[in-house]
């Protein structure tokens, strides 16, 4: 029974990600997600009692996928530091178009704990990177610059040109060593 629930949970999250990409996360319809996932609306609500919990599940899935990609990249490129891998993955991620972040404000208003997994992930990532570098100052500059880039991307307030993005990333990679 647990495997079945996990399977429906995964299907719901995959369907929600598809619907969010198509309509934007702020326009998520629980009916559309349930229909796409092949579950009843009751089944969806069993797994995710609120829309905010569903959004939190999507964010947790994204963070898990990012962490896995970071692990794979670090393992594959033995000459690349974890910080450099983080910079490259984040920069690549920021190249992808993102829907408006207005849905995030709604999710936070409905459930302030929405940010907890994001904060925990970033703290864990920062501590890992801190443990793998001798230069805390360089790490702070790189980490905060990338998080700033991510924030501009998320909130659709990017003021940098494509050339400036490339210059930022190459400068950060030089700092990262």
C-alpha atoms as a PDB file:
ATOM      1  CA  UNK A   1       0.000   0.000   0.000  1.00  0.00           C
ATOM      2  CA  UNK A   2       2.811   2.447   0.810  1.00  0.00           C
ATOM      3  CA  UNK A   3       4.463   1.896  -2.592  1.00  0.00           C
ATOM      4  CA  UNK A   4       1.156   2.652  -4.245  1.00  0.00           C
ATOM      5  CA  UNK A   5       0.761   5.883  -2.263  1.00  0.00           C
ATOM      6  CA  UNK A   6       4.312   6.925  -3.078  1.00  0.00           C
ATOM      7  CA  UNK A   7       3.602   6.172  -6.732  1.00  0.00           C
ATOM      8  CA  UNK A   8       0.451   8.324  -6.727  1.00  0.00           C
ATOM      9  CA  UNK A   9       2.357  11.067  -4.889  1.00  0.00           C
ATOM     10  CA  UNK A  10       5.078  10.986  -7.559  1.00  0.00           C
ATOM     11  CA  UNK A  11       2.472  11.002 -10.341  1.00  0.00           C
ATOM     12  CA  UNK A  12       0.725  13.971  -8.725  1.00  0.00           C
ATOM     13  CA  UNK A  13       3.981  15.905  -8.416  1.00  0.00           C
ATOM     14  CA  UNK A  14       4.931  15.116 -12.029  1.00  0.00           C
ATOM     15  CA  UNK A  15       1.478  16.209 -13.202  1.00  0.00           C
ATOM     16  CA  UNK A  16       1.652  19.384 -11.098  1.00  0.00           C
ATOM     17  CA  UNK A  17       5.064  20.218 -12.582  1.00  0.00           C
ATOM     18  CA  UNK A  18       3.669  19.723 -16.099  1.00  0.00           C
ATOM     19  CA  UNK A  19       0.584  21.843 -15.412  1.00  0.00           C
ATOM     20  CA  UNK A  20       2.723  24.530 -13.734  1.00  0.00           C
ATOM     21  CA  UNK A  21       5.037  24.680 -16.772  1.00  0.00           C
ATOM     22  CA  UNK A  22       2.063  24.999 -19.107  1.00  0.00           C
ATOM     23  CA  UNK A  23      -0.186  27.364 -17.132  1.00  0.00           C
ATOM     24  CA  UNK A  24       2.188  28.854 -14.572  1.00  0.00           C
ATOM     25  CA  UNK A  25       2.259  27.801 -10.910  1.00  0.00           C
ATOM     26  CA  UNK A  26      -0.174  30.568  -9.939  1.00  0.00           C
ATOM     27  CA  UNK A  27      -2.780  29.048 -12.231  1.00  0.00           C
ATOM     28  CA  UNK A  28      -2.566  25.499 -10.925  1.00  0.00           C
ATOM     29  CA  UNK A  29      -5.924  23.799 -10.916  1.00  0.00           C
ATOM     30  CA  UNK A  30      -6.252  20.867  -8.554  1.00  0.00           C
ATOM     31  CA  UNK A  31      -8.790  19.308 -10.928  1.00  0.00           C
ATOM     32  CA  UNK A  32      -6.352  19.584 -13.849  1.00  0.00           C
ATOM     33  CA  UNK A  33      -3.561  18.056 -11.774  1.00  0.00           C
ATOM     34  CA  UNK A  34      -5.729  15.187 -10.526  1.00  0.00           C
ATOM     35  CA  UNK A  35      -6.930  14.522 -14.071  1.00  0.00           C
ATOM     36  CA  UNK A  36      -3.400  14.563 -15.495  1.00  0.00           C
ATOM     37  CA  UNK A  37      -2.102  12.325 -12.681  1.00  0.00           C
ATOM     38  CA  UNK A  38      -4.957   9.842 -13.106  1.00  0.00           C
ATOM     39  CA  UNK A  39      -6.129  10.189  -9.506  1.00  0.00           C
ATOM     40  CA  UNK A  40      -9.316  11.488  -7.953  1.00  0.00           C
ATOM     41  CA  UNK A  41      -9.359  14.947  -6.440  1.00  0.00           C
ATOM     42  CA  UNK A  42      -9.792  13.207  -3.087  1.00  0.00           C
ATOM     43  CA  UNK A  43      -6.649  11.175  -3.788  1.00  0.00           C
ATOM     44  CA  UNK A  44      -4.777  14.351  -4.589  1.00  0.00           C
ATOM     45  CA  UNK A  45      -5.999  16.006  -1.381  1.00  0.00           C
ATOM     46  CA  UNK A  46      -5.078  12.901   0.600  1.00  0.00           C
ATOM     47  CA  UNK A  47      -1.464  13.304  -0.525  1.00  0.00           C
ATOM     48  CA  UNK A  48      -1.462  17.122  -0.468  1.00  0.00           C
ATOM     49  CA  UNK A  49      -4.183  18.575   1.806  1.00  0.00           C
ATOM     50  CA  UNK A  50      -3.667  22.127   0.499  1.00  0.00           C
ATOM     51  CA  UNK A  51      -2.409  23.793  -2.627  1.00  0.00           C
ATOM     52  CA  UNK A  52       0.449  25.196  -0.522  1.00  0.00           C
ATOM     53  CA  UNK A  53       1.485  21.654   0.489  1.00  0.00           C
ATOM     54  CA  UNK A  54       1.437  20.655  -3.172  1.00  0.00           C
ATOM     55  CA  UNK A  55       3.642  23.632  -4.038  1.00  0.00           C
ATOM     56  CA  UNK A  56       5.952  22.724  -1.167  1.00  0.00           C
ATOM     57  CA  UNK A  57       6.195  19.204  -2.601  1.00  0.00           C
ATOM     58  CA  UNK A  58       7.148  20.655  -5.992  1.00  0.00           C
ATOM     59  CA  UNK A  59       9.846  22.795  -4.386  1.00  0.00           C
ATOM     60  CA  UNK A  60      11.196  19.825  -2.408  1.00  0.00           C
ATOM     61  CA  UNK A  61      11.341  17.774  -5.634  1.00  0.00           C
ATOM     62  CA  UNK A  62      13.215  20.587  -7.379  1.00  0.00           C
ATOM     63  CA  UNK A  63      15.711  20.861  -4.509  1.00  0.00           C
ATOM     64  CA  UNK A  64      16.246  17.105  -4.501  1.00  0.00           C
ATOM     65  CA  UNK A  65      16.855  17.074  -8.268  1.00  0.00           C
ATOM     66  CA  UNK A  66      19.294  19.995  -7.957  1.00  0.00           C
ATOM     67  CA  UNK A  67      21.173  18.235  -5.168  1.00  0.00           C
ATOM     68  CA  UNK A  68      21.380  15.046  -7.248  1.00  0.00           C
ATOM     69  CA  UNK A  69      22.638  17.004 -10.279  1.00  0.00           C
ATOM     70  CA  UNK A  70      25.261  18.667  -8.074  1.00  0.00           C
ATOM     71  CA  UNK A  71      26.396  15.282  -6.734  1.00  0.00           C
ATOM     72  CA  UNK A  72      26.626  13.838 -10.244  1.00  0.00           C
ATOM     73  CA  UNK A  73      28.503  16.830 -11.609  1.00  0.00           C
ATOM     74  CA  UNK A  74      30.952  16.832  -8.704  1.00  0.00           C
ATOM     75  CA  UNK A  75      31.568  13.084  -9.133  1.00  0.00           C
ATOM     76  CA  UNK A  76      32.032  13.351 -12.922  1.00  0.00           C
ATOM     77  CA  UNK A  77      34.316  16.385 -12.936  1.00  0.00           C
ATOM     78  CA  UNK A  78      37.000  15.522 -10.424  1.00  0.00           C
ATOM     79  CA  UNK A  79      38.960  18.660 -11.343  1.00  0.00           C
ATOM     80  CA  UNK A  80      35.974  20.913 -10.578  1.00  0.00           C
ATOM     81  CA  UNK A  81      35.280  22.026  -7.013  1.00  0.00           C
ATOM     82  CA  UNK A  82      31.820  21.651  -5.534  1.00  0.00           C
ATOM     83  CA  UNK A  83      31.590  25.468  -5.517  1.00  0.00           C
ATOM     84  CA  UNK A  84      32.387  25.652  -9.236  1.00  0.00           C
ATOM     85  CA  UNK A  85      29.828  22.909  -9.928  1.00  0.00           C
ATOM     86  CA  UNK A  86      27.240  24.854  -7.891  1.00  0.00           C
ATOM     87  CA  UNK A  87      28.013  28.052  -9.844  1.00  0.00           C
ATOM     88  CA  UNK A  88      27.722  26.308 -13.223  1.00  0.00           C
ATOM     89  CA  UNK A  89      24.531  24.397 -12.356  1.00  0.00           C
ATOM     90  CA  UNK A  90      22.898  27.496 -10.919  1.00  0.00           C
ATOM     91  CA  UNK A  91      23.887  29.629 -13.903  1.00  0.00           C
ATOM     92  CA  UNK A  92      22.510  26.980 -16.283  1.00  0.00           C
ATOM     93  CA  UNK A  93      19.315  26.825 -14.229  1.00  0.00           C
ATOM     94  CA  UNK A  94      18.908  30.610 -14.451  1.00  0.00           C
ATOM     95  CA  UNK A  95      19.101  30.398 -18.244  1.00  0.00           C
ATOM     96  CA  UNK A  96      15.803  28.520 -18.308  1.00  0.00           C
ATOM     97  CA  UNK A  97      12.674  30.666 -18.448  1.00  0.00           C
ATOM     98  CA  UNK A  98      10.703  30.693 -15.207  1.00  0.00           C
ATOM     99  CA  UNK A  99       7.047  31.459 -14.654  1.00  0.00           C
ATOM    100  CA  UNK A 100       6.088  34.353 -12.412  1.00  0.00           C
ATOM    101  CA  UNK A 101       6.820  33.877  -8.717  1.00  0.00           C
ATOM    102  CA  UNK A 102       3.481  35.323  -7.604  1.00  0.00           C
ATOM    103  CA  UNK A 103       2.375  31.780  -6.691  1.00  0.00           C
ATOM    104  CA  UNK A 104       5.149  31.683  -4.096  1.00  0.00           C
ATOM    105  CA  UNK A 105       3.699  34.648  -2.215  1.00  0.00           C
ATOM    106  CA  UNK A 106       0.329  32.903  -2.090  1.00  0.00           C
ATOM    107  CA  UNK A 107       1.908  29.698  -0.810  1.00  0.00           C
ATOM    108  CA  UNK A 108       3.867  31.584   1.869  1.00  0.00           C
ATOM    109  CA  UNK A 109       0.749  33.486   2.958  1.00  0.00           C
ATOM    110  CA  UNK A 110      -1.212  30.234   3.255  1.00  0.00           C
ATOM    111  CA  UNK A 111       1.584  28.353   5.022  1.00  0.00           C
ATOM    112  CA  UNK A 112       4.619  30.240   6.376  1.00  0.00           C
ATOM    113  CA  UNK A 113       6.438  26.900   6.721  1.00  0.00           C
ATOM    114  CA  UNK A 114       6.616  26.810   2.917  1.00  0.00           C
ATOM    115  CA  UNK A 115      10.131  28.272   3.043  1.00  0.00           C
ATOM    116  CA  UNK A 116      11.445  25.774   5.613  1.00  0.00           C
ATOM    117  CA  UNK A 117      12.742  23.176   3.109  1.00  0.00           C
ATOM    118  CA  UNK A 118      14.346  25.918   0.996  1.00  0.00           C
ATOM    119  CA  UNK A 119      16.113  27.394   4.012  1.00  0.00           C
ATOM    120  CA  UNK A 120      17.230  23.947   5.186  1.00  0.00           C
ATOM    121  CA  UNK A 121      18.541  23.049   1.729  1.00  0.00           C
ATOM    122  CA  UNK A 122      20.468  26.295   1.350  1.00  0.00           C
ATOM    123  CA  UNK A 123      21.940  26.002   4.849  1.00  0.00           C
ATOM    124  CA  UNK A 124      23.016  22.406   4.188  1.00  0.00           C
ATOM    125  CA  UNK A 125      24.486  23.354   0.795  1.00  0.00           C
ATOM    126  CA  UNK A 126      26.347  26.330   2.253  1.00  0.00           C
ATOM    127  CA  UNK A 127      27.761  24.206   5.086  1.00  0.00           C
ATOM    128  CA  UNK A 128      28.900  21.577   2.575  1.00  0.00           C
ATOM    129  CA  UNK A 129      30.606  24.173   0.405  1.00  0.00           C
ATOM    130  CA  UNK A 130      32.136  25.790   3.493  1.00  0.00           C
ATOM    131  CA  UNK A 131      33.589  22.437   4.483  1.00  0.00           C
ATOM    132  CA  UNK A 132      35.191  22.063   1.058  1.00  0.00           C
ATOM    133  CA  UNK A 133      36.885  25.454   0.803  1.00  0.00           C
ATOM    134  CA  UNK A 134      39.746  27.168   2.569  1.00  0.00           C
ATOM    135  CA  UNK A 135      38.588  30.658   1.582  1.00  0.00           C
ATOM    136  CA  UNK A 136      35.352  31.607   3.333  1.00  0.00           C
ATOM    137  CA  UNK A 137      35.390  35.107   1.829  1.00  0.00           C
ATOM    138  CA  UNK A 138      35.445  33.759  -1.732  1.00  0.00           C
ATOM    139  CA  UNK A 139      32.683  31.307  -0.889  1.00  0.00           C
ATOM    140  CA  UNK A 140      30.520  34.084   0.534  1.00  0.00           C
ATOM    141  CA  UNK A 141      30.982  36.255  -2.558  1.00  0.00           C
ATOM    142  CA  UNK A 142      30.194  33.376  -4.938  1.00  0.00           C
ATOM    143  CA  UNK A 143      27.283  31.986  -2.937  1.00  0.00           C
ATOM    144  CA  UNK A 144      25.588  35.352  -2.466  1.00  0.00           C
ATOM    145  CA  UNK A 145      26.151  36.386  -6.089  1.00  0.00           C
ATOM    146  CA  UNK A 146      24.565  33.163  -7.350  1.00  0.00           C
ATOM    147  CA  UNK A 147      21.661  33.460  -4.899  1.00  0.00           C
ATOM    148  CA  UNK A 148      21.167  37.037  -6.111  1.00  0.00           C
ATOM    149  CA  UNK A 149      21.149  35.814  -9.701  1.00  0.00           C
ATOM    150  CA  UNK A 150      18.605  33.134  -8.765  1.00  0.00           C
ATOM    151  CA  UNK A 151      16.415  35.709  -7.002  1.00  0.00           C
ATOM    152  CA  UNK A 152      16.453  38.057  -9.993  1.00  0.00           C
ATOM    153  CA  UNK A 153      15.517  35.132 -12.208  1.00  0.00           C
ATOM    154  CA  UNK A 154      12.767  33.900  -9.899  1.00  0.00           C
ATOM    155  CA  UNK A 155      11.188  37.315  -9.483  1.00  0.00           C
ATOM    156  CA  UNK A 156      11.625  38.226 -13.145  1.00  0.00           C
ATOM    157  CA  UNK A 157      13.699  41.257 -12.210  1.00  0.00           C
ATOM    158  CA  UNK A 158      16.938  40.392 -13.986  1.00  0.00           C
ATOM    159  CA  UNK A 159      18.742  43.570 -14.975  1.00  0.00           C
ATOM    160  CA  UNK A 160      21.830  41.896 -16.440  1.00  0.00           C
ATOM    161  CA  UNK A 161      22.403  41.408 -20.142  1.00  0.00           C
ATOM    162  CA  UNK A 162      23.407  37.993 -21.453  1.00  0.00           C
ATOM    163  CA  UNK A 163      26.983  39.243 -21.772  1.00  0.00           C
ATOM    164  CA  UNK A 164      26.918  40.471 -18.156  1.00  0.00           C
ATOM    165  CA  UNK A 165      25.602  37.074 -17.023  1.00  0.00           C
ATOM    166  CA  UNK A 166      28.498  35.346 -18.753  1.00  0.00           C
ATOM    167  CA  UNK A 167      30.984  37.799 -17.241  1.00  0.00           C
ATOM    168  CA  UNK A 168      29.515  37.243 -13.769  1.00  0.00           C
ATOM    169  CA  UNK A 169      29.715  33.463 -14.079  1.00  0.00           C
ATOM    170  CA  UNK A 170      33.271  33.488 -15.442  1.00  0.00           C
ATOM    171  CA  UNK A 171      34.324  35.923 -12.670  1.00  0.00           C
ATOM    172  CA  UNK A 172      32.759  33.713 -10.024  1.00  0.00           C
ATOM    173  CA  UNK A 173      34.466  30.634 -11.459  1.00  0.00           C
ATOM    174  CA  UNK A 174      37.819  32.443 -11.252  1.00  0.00           C
ATOM    175  CA  UNK A 175      37.117  33.336  -7.621  1.00  0.00           C
ATOM    176  CA  UNK A 176      36.056  29.738  -6.918  1.00  0.00           C
ATOM    177  CA  UNK A 177      39.392  28.550  -8.266  1.00  0.00           C
END
